[in-house]
Amino acid sequence: MSHPDILISIVIPSYNYASTLKRAVSSVVNQLNHRHELIVIDDGSTDETPSLVAHIKEEMPAQVRFIRKENGGPSSARNLGIRESLGTYLVFLDADDELYPSALQALERHITDNPDSRFIIGGHIAVSPDGKRREHIPDFLPETPEERLSAYLLGKRISLCNGACAMHREIFSRADYPEKFRSAEDIPVFAQALASHSCSMLPQALALIHKHADSLRHQFSLAKTGGLLLVDEVFADRRLGPEFKHLKSPYFVQRSLSLFRSAYVAKDYTSAKEFFQIALQRDWRVLLKLSYTKKALRLWFRQ
């Protein structure tokens, strides 16, 4: 569903983020105009989110809507946002992050100058727990769909994050967010956007991405649940055409190594060994990736 007068819809999925949700909402409201809307999806929060929403909704402009649903995970909340939104382009902002000042104005200008672009890749500023900031501005976007997909999945040369990119709703005509995944659920959507749609770079910060000292074990637990099944989701026929299938096996190896590294950092050494062995069985050349091999050797020779 879309409305010709609404150009950009910002969707904030939130689950138990009462401590930061008001900050995220304010960062958007401060720059809304008549061509924008904000939709906050409360994914069945059990903290103070409902009372916070009840308190702040009365002071919000007409372009702001709050929707509460049963808990279904981040993909479920984003998919509801897609269905409920009216904008031609969608920006998904995490509830613990902020939209950078003048980001919507910059996006409007970019869309006017690049009307055929369906996936707009902007930059972001990473904010560490101690307040230090590091700017990440895109400077590399290959011409062809295959090169873009390879650079994202294999070369890690394209960095994407929610809040710092805008997606035309046409992207979701192929497939939306996979609701069975609670981690890395945006990778399949980013992959299909890079492979099947016109893309452009907006070389300035669009979001403040706040880094947290979350439990590494908890983060890996979520990633492990989806595990290597994510590879099949990325390359599902409804997402990517047959011309990209030759990238599936290399991505399987890369995903195995990513899970190995996450397990290693989380000190789940049994899982780390398993994922390294899986990668090695698929392609012996992983031994040439010294940053991974050195960690693996430490595991097998640790006392």
C-alpha atoms as a PDB file:
ATOM      1  CA  MET A   1       0.000   0.000   0.000  1.00  0.00           C
ATOM      2  CA  SER A   2       1.345   3.441  -0.908  1.00  0.00           C
ATOM      3  CA  HIS A   3       0.160   7.032  -1.194  1.00  0.00           C
ATOM      4  CA  PRO A   4       1.503   9.428  -3.847  1.00  0.00           C
ATOM      5  CA  ASP A   5       1.903  12.251  -1.328  1.00  0.00           C
ATOM      6  CA  ILE A   6       4.088  10.242   1.072  1.00  0.00           C
ATOM      7  CA  LEU A   7       7.642   9.844  -0.191  1.00  0.00           C
ATOM      8  CA  ILE A   8       9.419   8.315   2.823  1.00  0.00           C
ATOM      9  CA  SER A   9       8.104   6.081   5.603  1.00  0.00           C
ATOM     10  CA  ILE A  10      10.317   5.537   8.634  1.00  0.00           C
ATOM     11  CA  VAL A  11       9.544   2.327  10.515  1.00  0.00           C
ATOM     12  CA  ILE A  12      10.879   1.751  14.040  1.00  0.00           C
ATOM     13  CA  PRO A  13      10.412  -1.838  15.278  1.00  0.00           C
ATOM     14  CA  SER A  14      10.798  -2.000  19.047  1.00  0.00           C
ATOM     15  CA  TYR A  15      10.915  -4.789  21.602  1.00  0.00           C
ATOM     16  CA  ASN A  16      11.729  -3.821  25.198  1.00  0.00           C
ATOM     17  CA  TYR A  17      13.566  -0.630  24.257  1.00  0.00           C
ATOM     18  CA  ALA A  18      11.691   1.787  26.503  1.00  0.00           C
ATOM     19  CA  SER A  19      15.017   3.274  27.603  1.00  0.00           C
ATOM     20  CA  THR A  20      15.940   4.463  24.092  1.00  0.00           C
ATOM     21  CA  LEU A  21      12.701   4.533  22.089  1.00  0.00           C
ATOM     22  CA  LYS A  22      11.868   8.164  22.869  1.00  0.00           C
ATOM     23  CA  ARG A  23      15.327   9.210  21.651  1.00  0.00           C
ATOM     24  CA  ALA A  24      14.834   7.332  18.376  1.00  0.00           C
ATOM     25  CA  VAL A  25      11.343   8.770  17.861  1.00  0.00           C
ATOM     26  CA  SER A  26      12.501  12.320  18.603  1.00  0.00           C
ATOM     27  CA  SER A  27      15.347  12.032  16.095  1.00  0.00           C
ATOM     28  CA  VAL A  28      12.759  11.381  13.382  1.00  0.00           C
ATOM     29  CA  VAL A  29       9.988  13.742  14.515  1.00  0.00           C
ATOM     30  CA  ASN A  30      12.433  16.650  14.572  1.00  0.00           C
ATOM     31  CA  GLN A  31      12.790  16.436  10.778  1.00  0.00           C
ATOM     32  CA  LEU A  32       9.383  15.254   9.561  1.00  0.00           C
ATOM     33  CA  ASN A  33       7.500  17.177   6.899  1.00  0.00           C
ATOM     34  CA  HIS A  34       4.260  16.548   4.999  1.00  0.00           C
ATOM     35  CA  ARG A  35       6.010  14.029   2.691  1.00  0.00           C
ATOM     36  CA  HIS A  36       7.122  11.772   5.547  1.00  0.00           C
ATOM     37  CA  GLU A  37       5.496   9.451   8.063  1.00  0.00           C
ATOM     38  CA  LEU A  38       6.759   7.575  11.122  1.00  0.00           C
ATOM     39  CA  ILE A  39       5.393   4.213  12.219  1.00  0.00           C
ATOM     40  CA  VAL A  40       6.491   2.703  15.543  1.00  0.00           C
ATOM     41  CA  ILE A  41       5.815  -1.027  15.857  1.00  0.00           C
ATOM     42  CA  ASP A  42       5.788  -2.284  19.458  1.00  0.00           C
ATOM     43  CA  ASP A  43       6.526  -5.996  19.059  1.00  0.00           C
ATOM     44  CA  GLY A  44       4.784  -7.085  22.261  1.00  0.00           C
ATOM     45  CA  SER A  45       7.174  -5.374  24.667  1.00  0.00           C
ATOM     46  CA  THR A  46       7.047  -6.450  28.317  1.00  0.00           C
ATOM     47  CA  ASP A  47       8.932  -3.443  29.713  1.00  0.00           C
ATOM     48  CA  GLU A  48       7.697   0.147  30.122  1.00  0.00           C
ATOM     49  CA  THR A  49       7.187   0.674  26.379  1.00  0.00           C
ATOM     50  CA  PRO A  50       3.339   0.713  26.493  1.00  0.00           C
ATOM     51  CA  SER A  51       3.247   3.386  29.201  1.00  0.00           C
ATOM     52  CA  LEU A  52       5.951   5.389  27.403  1.00  0.00           C
ATOM     53  CA  VAL A  53       3.954   5.302  24.176  1.00  0.00           C
ATOM     54  CA  ALA A  54       0.775   6.312  25.995  1.00  0.00           C
ATOM     55  CA  HIS A  55       2.643   9.287  27.445  1.00  0.00           C
ATOM     56  CA  ILE A  56       4.303  10.586  24.281  1.00  0.00           C
ATOM     57  CA  LYS A  57       1.727   9.812  21.590  1.00  0.00           C
ATOM     58  CA  GLU A  58      -0.471  12.780  22.531  1.00  0.00           C
ATOM     59  CA  GLU A  59       2.316  15.215  21.704  1.00  0.00           C
ATOM     60  CA  MET A  60       3.162  13.628  18.345  1.00  0.00           C
ATOM     61  CA  PRO A  61       2.235  15.166  14.965  1.00  0.00           C
ATOM     62  CA  ALA A  62      -0.339  13.552  12.686  1.00  0.00           C
ATOM     63  CA  GLN A  63       2.326  11.765  10.616  1.00  0.00           C
ATOM     64  CA  VAL A  64       3.240   9.523  13.579  1.00  0.00           C
ATOM     65  CA  ARG A  65       1.467   6.231  14.265  1.00  0.00           C
ATOM     66  CA  PHE A  66       2.011   3.699  17.054  1.00  0.00           C
ATOM     67  CA  ILE A  67       1.022   0.065  16.503  1.00  0.00           C
ATOM     68  CA  ARG A  68       1.241  -2.727  19.083  1.00  0.00           C
ATOM     69  CA  LYS A  69       1.312  -6.399  18.093  1.00  0.00           C
ATOM     70  CA  GLU A  70       2.053  -9.769  19.626  1.00  0.00           C
ATOM     71  CA  ASN A  71       5.736 -10.608  19.801  1.00  0.00           C
ATOM     72  CA  GLY A  72       6.943 -12.146  16.565  1.00  0.00           C
ATOM     73  CA  GLY A  73      10.522 -10.963  16.189  1.00  0.00           C
ATOM     74  CA  PRO A  74      12.156  -8.120  14.252  1.00  0.00           C
ATOM     75  CA  SER A  75      11.228  -9.483  10.816  1.00  0.00           C
ATOM     76  CA  SER A  76       7.573  -9.737  11.797  1.00  0.00           C
ATOM     77  CA  ALA A  77       7.582  -6.138  13.017  1.00  0.00           C
ATOM     78  CA  ARG A  78       9.279  -4.862   9.861  1.00  0.00           C
ATOM     79  CA  ASN A  79       6.867  -6.760   7.627  1.00  0.00           C
ATOM     80  CA  LEU A  80       3.927  -5.195   9.435  1.00  0.00           C
ATOM     81  CA  GLY A  81       5.585  -1.833   8.869  1.00  0.00           C
ATOM     82  CA  ILE A  82       5.796  -2.556   5.143  1.00  0.00           C
ATOM     83  CA  ARG A  83       2.097  -3.399   5.004  1.00  0.00           C
ATOM     84  CA  GLU A  84       1.005  -0.413   7.075  1.00  0.00           C
ATOM     85  CA  SER A  85       3.267   2.205   5.501  1.00  0.00           C
ATOM     86  CA  LEU A  86       2.212   4.600   2.755  1.00  0.00           C
ATOM     87  CA  GLY A  87       5.601   5.838   1.565  1.00  0.00           C
ATOM     88  CA  THR A  88       7.321   5.052  -1.717  1.00  0.00           C
ATOM     89  CA  TYR A  89      10.617   4.525   0.127  1.00  0.00           C
ATOM     90  CA  LEU A  90      11.089   2.870   3.511  1.00  0.00           C
ATOM     91  CA  VAL A  91      13.751   3.446   6.150  1.00  0.00           C
ATOM     92  CA  PHE A  92      13.961   0.909   8.990  1.00  0.00           C
ATOM     93  CA  LEU A  93      15.468   2.474  12.108  1.00  0.00           C
ATOM     94  CA  ASP A  94      16.308   0.330  15.126  1.00  0.00           C
ATOM     95  CA  ALA A  95      14.789   1.543  18.389  1.00  0.00           C
ATOM     96  CA  ASP A  96      18.192   2.060  20.021  1.00  0.00           C
ATOM     97  CA  ASP A  97      19.587   4.169  17.152  1.00  0.00           C
ATOM     98  CA  GLU A  98      18.922   7.682  15.852  1.00  0.00           C
ATOM     99  CA  LEU A  99      18.230   9.267  12.511  1.00  0.00           C
ATOM    100  CA  TYR A 100      21.003  11.760  11.773  1.00  0.00           C
ATOM    101  CA  PRO A 101      19.912  15.422  11.608  1.00  0.00           C
ATOM    102  CA  SER A 102      18.752  16.428   8.095  1.00  0.00           C
ATOM    103  CA  ALA A 103      18.851  12.797   6.920  1.00  0.00           C
ATOM    104  CA  LEU A 104      15.340  12.971   5.457  1.00  0.00           C
ATOM    105  CA  GLN A 105      16.131  16.193   3.636  1.00  0.00           C
ATOM    106  CA  ALA A 106      19.256  14.575   2.173  1.00  0.00           C
ATOM    107  CA  LEU A 107      17.238  11.537   1.090  1.00  0.00           C
ATOM    108  CA  GLU A 108      14.623  13.723  -0.593  1.00  0.00           C
ATOM    109  CA  ARG A 109      17.296  15.548  -2.592  1.00  0.00           C
ATOM    110  CA  HIS A 110      18.945  12.274  -3.561  1.00  0.00           C
ATOM    111  CA  ILE A 111      15.664  10.747  -4.728  1.00  0.00           C
ATOM    112  CA  THR A 112      14.951  13.841  -6.830  1.00  0.00           C
ATOM    113  CA  ASP A 113      18.405  13.628  -8.425  1.00  0.00           C
ATOM    114  CA  ASN A 114      18.298   9.818  -8.806  1.00  0.00           C
ATOM    115  CA  PRO A 115      14.649   8.953  -9.556  1.00  0.00           C
ATOM    116  CA  ASP A 116      15.479   5.464 -10.857  1.00  0.00           C
ATOM    117  CA  SER A 117      17.339   4.372  -7.725  1.00  0.00           C
ATOM    118  CA  ARG A 118      15.512   1.725  -5.736  1.00  0.00           C
ATOM    119  CA  PHE A 119      18.136   1.081  -3.042  1.00  0.00           C
ATOM    120  CA  ILE A 120      19.864   4.121  -1.561  1.00  0.00           C
ATOM    121  CA  ILE A 121      22.971   3.309   0.472  1.00  0.00           C
ATOM    122  CA  GLY A 122      23.994   6.014   2.909  1.00  0.00           C
ATOM    123  CA  GLY A 123      26.599   6.290   5.623  1.00  0.00           C
ATOM    124  CA  HIS A 124      26.370   6.152   9.390  1.00  0.00           C
ATOM    125  CA  ILE A 125      28.230   7.169  12.513  1.00  0.00           C
ATOM    126  CA  ALA A 126      29.004   4.362  14.951  1.00  0.00           C
ATOM    127  CA  VAL A 127      28.752   5.482  18.576  1.00  0.00           C
ATOM    128  CA  SER A 128      30.584   3.304  21.114  1.00  0.00           C
ATOM    129  CA  PRO A 129      29.450   2.924  24.756  1.00  0.00           C
ATOM    130  CA  ASP A 130      32.107   5.423  25.865  1.00  0.00           C
ATOM    131  CA  GLY A 131      30.751   8.027  23.452  1.00  0.00           C
ATOM    132  CA  LYS A 132      33.479   7.801  20.831  1.00  0.00           C
ATOM    133  CA  ARG A 133      32.272   8.240  17.271  1.00  0.00           C
ATOM    134  CA  ARG A 134      33.495   6.759  14.017  1.00  0.00           C
ATOM    135  CA  GLU A 135      32.132   7.799  10.646  1.00  0.00           C
ATOM    136  CA  HIS A 136      31.433   5.215   7.938  1.00  0.00           C
ATOM    137  CA  ILE A 137      30.710   6.733   4.527  1.00  0.00           C
ATOM    138  CA  PRO A 138      30.097   4.529   1.446  1.00  0.00           C
ATOM    139  CA  ASP A 139      32.689   4.916  -1.291  1.00  0.00           C
ATOM    140  CA  PHE A 140      32.359   1.689  -3.295  1.00  0.00           C
ATOM    141  CA  LEU A 141      29.409   0.423  -5.317  1.00  0.00           C
ATOM    142  CA  PRO A 142      30.069  -1.863  -8.307  1.00  0.00           C
ATOM    143  CA  GLU A 143      28.160  -1.350 -11.544  1.00  0.00           C
ATOM    144  CA  THR A 144      26.771  -4.841 -12.116  1.00  0.00           C
ATOM    145  CA  PRO A 145      24.356  -6.784  -9.887  1.00  0.00           C
ATOM    146  CA  GLU A 146      26.715  -9.776  -9.662  1.00  0.00           C
ATOM    147  CA  GLU A 147      29.635  -7.604  -8.593  1.00  0.00           C
ATOM    148  CA  ARG A 148      27.492  -5.855  -5.987  1.00  0.00           C
ATOM    149  CA  LEU A 149      26.219  -9.125  -4.553  1.00  0.00           C
ATOM    150  CA  SER A 150      29.706 -10.616  -4.441  1.00  0.00           C
ATOM    151  CA  ALA A 151      31.145  -7.497  -2.807  1.00  0.00           C
ATOM    152  CA  TYR A 152      28.459  -7.636  -0.117  1.00  0.00           C
ATOM    153  CA  LEU A 153      28.316 -11.360   0.643  1.00  0.00           C
ATOM    154  CA  LEU A 154      31.907 -12.410  -0.027  1.00  0.00           C
ATOM    155  CA  GLY A 155      34.228  -9.435  -0.158  1.00  0.00           C
ATOM    156  CA  LYS A 156      32.584  -7.541   2.717  1.00  0.00           C
ATOM    157  CA  ARG A 157      33.317  -4.360   0.758  1.00  0.00           C
ATOM    158  CA  ILE A 158      29.759  -3.061   0.948  1.00  0.00           C
ATOM    159  CA  SER A 159      28.652  -2.225   4.478  1.00  0.00           C
ATOM    160  CA  LEU A 160      24.906  -1.945   5.055  1.00  0.00           C
ATOM    161  CA  CYS A 161      22.923  -1.212   8.177  1.00  0.00           C
ATOM    162  CA  ASN A 162      19.346  -0.343   9.029  1.00  0.00           C
ATOM    163  CA  GLY A 163      18.694   3.349   9.396  1.00  0.00           C
ATOM    164  CA  ALA A 164      21.423   4.247   6.913  1.00  0.00           C
ATOM    165  CA  CYS A 165      19.669   3.115   3.749  1.00  0.00           C
ATOM    166  CA  ALA A 166      16.314   3.614   2.045  1.00  0.00           C
ATOM    167  CA  MET A 167      14.485   0.914   0.086  1.00  0.00           C
ATOM    168  CA  HIS A 168      11.824   1.439  -2.548  1.00  0.00           C
ATOM    169  CA  ARG A 169       8.778  -0.694  -1.779  1.00  0.00           C
ATOM    170  CA  GLU A 170       9.245  -2.447  -5.156  1.00  0.00           C
ATOM    171  CA  ILE A 171      12.085  -4.367  -3.487  1.00  0.00           C
ATOM    172  CA  PHE A 172       9.572  -6.206  -1.307  1.00  0.00           C
ATOM    173  CA  SER A 173       7.502  -7.397  -4.257  1.00  0.00           C
ATOM    174  CA  ARG A 174       9.889 -10.371  -4.511  1.00  0.00           C
ATOM    175  CA  ALA A 175      10.018 -11.246  -0.819  1.00  0.00           C
ATOM    176  CA  ASP A 176       9.928  -9.530   2.547  1.00  0.00           C
ATOM    177  CA  TYR A 177      11.868 -10.196   5.760  1.00  0.00           C
ATOM    178  CA  PRO A 178      12.184 -13.906   6.698  1.00  0.00           C
ATOM    179  CA  GLU A 179      10.333 -14.266   9.990  1.00  0.00           C
ATOM    180  CA  LYS A 180      11.955 -17.550  11.022  1.00  0.00           C
ATOM    181  CA  PHE A 181      15.268 -15.769  11.662  1.00  0.00           C
ATOM    182  CA  ARG A 182      15.905 -13.658  14.782  1.00  0.00           C
ATOM    183  CA  SER A 183      19.403 -12.621  13.697  1.00  0.00           C
ATOM    184  CA  ALA A 184      20.898 -11.493  10.359  1.00  0.00           C
ATOM    185  CA  GLU A 185      17.364 -11.371   8.964  1.00  0.00           C
ATOM    186  CA  ASP A 186      18.230  -8.288   6.918  1.00  0.00           C
ATOM    187  CA  ILE A 187      20.949 -10.035   4.876  1.00  0.00           C
ATOM    188  CA  PRO A 188      18.523 -11.786   2.469  1.00  0.00           C
ATOM    189  CA  VAL A 189      16.659  -8.514   1.850  1.00  0.00           C
ATOM    190  CA  PHE A 190      19.834  -6.497   1.322  1.00  0.00           C
ATOM    191  CA  ALA A 191      21.086  -9.212  -1.053  1.00  0.00           C
ATOM    192  CA  GLN A 192      17.953  -9.173  -3.198  1.00  0.00           C
ATOM    193  CA  ALA A 193      18.021  -5.367  -3.298  1.00  0.00           C
ATOM    194  CA  LEU A 194      21.624  -5.296  -4.526  1.00  0.00           C
ATOM    195  CA  ALA A 195      21.031  -8.047  -7.080  1.00  0.00           C
ATOM    196  CA  SER A 196      17.691  -7.063  -8.568  1.00  0.00           C
ATOM    197  CA  HIS A 197      17.331  -3.288  -8.347  1.00  0.00           C
ATOM    198  CA  SER A 198      19.015  -0.053  -9.312  1.00  0.00           C
ATOM    199  CA  CYS A 199      21.294   1.124  -6.492  1.00  0.00           C
ATOM    200  CA  SER A 200      22.960   4.413  -5.599  1.00  0.00           C
ATOM    201  CA  MET A 201      25.252   5.829  -2.934  1.00  0.00           C
ATOM    202  CA  LEU A 202      24.499   8.815  -0.746  1.00  0.00           C
ATOM    203  CA  PRO A 203      27.928   9.696   0.692  1.00  0.00           C
ATOM    204  CA  GLN A 204      26.891  11.211   4.001  1.00  0.00           C
ATOM    205  CA  ALA A 205      25.730   9.983   7.386  1.00  0.00           C
ATOM    206  CA  LEU A 206      22.031   9.139   7.687  1.00  0.00           C
ATOM    207  CA  ALA A 207      22.021   7.471  11.107  1.00  0.00           C
ATOM    208  CA  LEU A 208      23.733   7.267  14.467  1.00  0.00           C
ATOM    209  CA  ILE A 209      24.241   3.579  15.224  1.00  0.00           C
ATOM    210  CA  HIS A 210      24.759   2.963  18.936  1.00  0.00           C
ATOM    211  CA  LYS A 211      26.995   0.027  19.789  1.00  0.00           C
ATOM    212  CA  HIS A 212      26.278  -1.900  22.977  1.00  0.00           C
ATOM    213  CA  ALA A 213      28.254  -4.149  25.282  1.00  0.00           C
ATOM    214  CA  ASP A 214      25.630  -6.872  24.913  1.00  0.00           C
ATOM    215  CA  SER A 215      26.387 -10.419  25.935  1.00  0.00           C
ATOM    216  CA  LEU A 216      28.509 -11.942  23.192  1.00  0.00           C
ATOM    217  CA  ARG A 217      27.115 -15.349  24.104  1.00  0.00           C
ATOM    218  CA  HIS A 218      23.577 -14.062  23.627  1.00  0.00           C
ATOM    219  CA  GLN A 219      24.441 -12.543  20.258  1.00  0.00           C
ATOM    220  CA  PHE A 220      26.034 -15.769  19.068  1.00  0.00           C
ATOM    221  CA  SER A 221      23.124 -17.822  20.393  1.00  0.00           C
ATOM    222  CA  LEU A 222      20.770 -15.882  18.115  1.00  0.00           C
ATOM    223  CA  ALA A 223      23.123 -16.217  15.144  1.00  0.00           C
ATOM    224  CA  LYS A 224      23.617 -19.934  15.746  1.00  0.00           C
ATOM    225  CA  THR A 225      19.865 -20.576  15.761  1.00  0.00           C
ATOM    226  CA  GLY A 226      19.623 -19.526  12.125  1.00  0.00           C
ATOM    227  CA  GLY A 227      23.108 -20.787  11.413  1.00  0.00           C
ATOM    228  CA  LEU A 228      23.804 -21.956   7.894  1.00  0.00           C
ATOM    229  CA  LEU A 229      20.098 -22.087   7.021  1.00  0.00           C
ATOM    230  CA  LEU A 230      20.527 -18.408   6.233  1.00  0.00           C
ATOM    231  CA  VAL A 231      22.470 -19.388   3.098  1.00  0.00           C
ATOM    232  CA  ASP A 232      19.431 -21.150   1.636  1.00  0.00           C
ATOM    233  CA  GLU A 233      17.261 -18.156   2.500  1.00  0.00           C
ATOM    234  CA  VAL A 234      19.602 -15.707   0.779  1.00  0.00           C
ATOM    235  CA  PHE A 235      19.657 -17.797  -2.417  1.00  0.00           C
ATOM    236  CA  ALA A 236      15.981 -18.806  -2.402  1.00  0.00           C
ATOM    237  CA  ASP A 237      14.443 -18.658  -5.884  1.00  0.00           C
ATOM    238  CA  ARG A 238      11.990 -15.978  -4.810  1.00  0.00           C
ATOM    239  CA  ARG A 239      14.898 -13.720  -3.848  1.00  0.00           C
ATOM    240  CA  LEU A 240      17.709 -14.328  -6.355  1.00  0.00           C
ATOM    241  CA  GLY A 241      17.700 -15.522  -9.948  1.00  0.00           C
ATOM    242  CA  PRO A 242      19.658 -18.545 -11.257  1.00  0.00           C
ATOM    243  CA  GLU A 243      22.433 -16.287 -12.565  1.00  0.00           C
ATOM    244  CA  PHE A 244      23.619 -15.806  -8.975  1.00  0.00           C
ATOM    245  CA  LYS A 245      23.612 -19.448  -7.845  1.00  0.00           C
ATOM    246  CA  HIS A 246      27.353 -19.873  -8.432  1.00  0.00           C
ATOM    247  CA  LEU A 247      27.918 -17.575  -5.447  1.00  0.00           C
ATOM    248  CA  LYS A 248      26.032 -19.857  -3.060  1.00  0.00           C
ATOM    249  CA  SER A 249      28.872 -22.270  -2.265  1.00  0.00           C
ATOM    250  CA  PRO A 250      31.441 -19.500  -1.615  1.00  0.00           C
ATOM    251  CA  TYR A 251      28.895 -17.761   0.602  1.00  0.00           C
ATOM    252  CA  PHE A 252      28.298 -21.003   2.513  1.00  0.00           C
ATOM    253  CA  VAL A 253      32.023 -21.006   3.316  1.00  0.00           C
ATOM    254  CA  GLN A 254      32.022 -17.319   4.232  1.00  0.00           C
ATOM    255  CA  ARG A 255      28.976 -17.739   6.466  1.00  0.00           C
ATOM    256  CA  SER A 256      30.624 -20.721   8.189  1.00  0.00           C
ATOM    257  CA  LEU A 257      33.700 -18.611   8.881  1.00  0.00           C
ATOM    258  CA  SER A 258      31.581 -15.736  10.186  1.00  0.00           C
ATOM    259  CA  LEU A 259      29.853 -18.104  12.609  1.00  0.00           C
ATOM    260  CA  PHE A 260      33.243 -19.542  13.572  1.00  0.00           C
ATOM    261  CA  ARG A 261      34.511 -16.078  14.433  1.00  0.00           C
ATOM    262  CA  SER A 262      31.356 -15.200  16.393  1.00  0.00           C
ATOM    263  CA  ALA A 263      31.583 -18.450  18.352  1.00  0.00           C
ATOM    264  CA  TYR A 264      35.274 -17.846  19.032  1.00  0.00           C
ATOM    265  CA  VAL A 265      34.642 -14.340  20.381  1.00  0.00           C
ATOM    266  CA  ALA A 266      31.753 -15.661  22.502  1.00  0.00           C
ATOM    267  CA  LYS A 267      34.109 -18.370  23.843  1.00  0.00           C
ATOM    268  CA  ASP A 268      31.857 -21.154  22.579  1.00  0.00           C
ATOM    269  CA  TYR A 269      34.888 -23.114  21.451  1.00  0.00           C
ATOM    270  CA  THR A 270      33.022 -26.322  20.618  1.00  0.00           C
ATOM    271  CA  SER A 271      30.797 -24.507  18.136  1.00  0.00           C
ATOM    272  CA  ALA A 272      33.777 -22.570  16.810  1.00  0.00           C
ATOM    273  CA  LYS A 273      35.579 -25.813  15.952  1.00  0.00           C
ATOM    274  CA  GLU A 274      32.471 -27.192  14.266  1.00  0.00           C
ATOM    275  CA  PHE A 275      32.001 -24.183  12.005  1.00  0.00           C
ATOM    276  CA  PHE A 276      35.673 -24.022  11.055  1.00  0.00           C
ATOM    277  CA  GLN A 277      35.623 -27.705  10.127  1.00  0.00           C
ATOM    278  CA  ILE A 278      32.495 -27.177   8.025  1.00  0.00           C
ATOM    279  CA  ALA A 279      34.198 -24.364   6.129  1.00  0.00           C
ATOM    280  CA  LEU A 280      37.375 -26.397   5.665  1.00  0.00           C
ATOM    281  CA  GLN A 281      35.489 -29.420   4.360  1.00  0.00           C
ATOM    282  CA  ARG A 282      33.798 -27.254   1.733  1.00  0.00           C
ATOM    283  CA  ASP A 283      36.962 -25.395   0.651  1.00  0.00           C
ATOM    284  CA  TRP A 284      40.506 -26.146   1.834  1.00  0.00           C
ATOM    285  CA  ARG A 285      41.582 -22.662   0.808  1.00  0.00           C
ATOM    286  CA  VAL A 286      40.152 -21.284   4.032  1.00  0.00           C
ATOM    287  CA  LEU A 287      43.547 -22.235   5.457  1.00  0.00           C
ATOM    288  CA  LEU A 288      44.962 -19.340   3.453  1.00  0.00           C
ATOM    289  CA  LYS A 289      42.790 -16.910   5.402  1.00  0.00           C
ATOM    290  CA  LEU A 290      45.339 -16.469   8.153  1.00  0.00           C
ATOM    291  CA  SER A 291      43.189 -14.421  10.524  1.00  0.00           C
ATOM    292  CA  TYR A 292      40.795 -17.383  10.776  1.00  0.00           C
ATOM    293  CA  THR A 293      43.438 -20.114  10.671  1.00  0.00           C
ATOM    294  CA  LYS A 294      45.430 -18.588  13.526  1.00  0.00           C
ATOM    295  CA  LYS A 295      42.345 -18.584  15.733  1.00  0.00           C
ATOM    296  CA  ALA A 296      41.561 -22.175  14.761  1.00  0.00           C
ATOM    297  CA  LEU A 297      45.077 -23.316  15.631  1.00  0.00           C
ATOM    298  CA  ARG A 298      44.777 -21.690  19.042  1.00  0.00           C
ATOM    299  CA  LEU A 299      41.615 -23.711  19.645  1.00  0.00           C
ATOM    300  CA  TRP A 300      43.119 -27.064  18.757  1.00  0.00           C
ATOM    301  CA  PHE A 301      46.298 -26.468  20.720  1.00  0.00           C
ATOM    302  CA  ARG A 302      44.855 -24.699  23.745  1.00  0.00           C
ATOM    303  CA  GLN A 303      45.386 -26.438  27.043  1.00  0.00           C
END
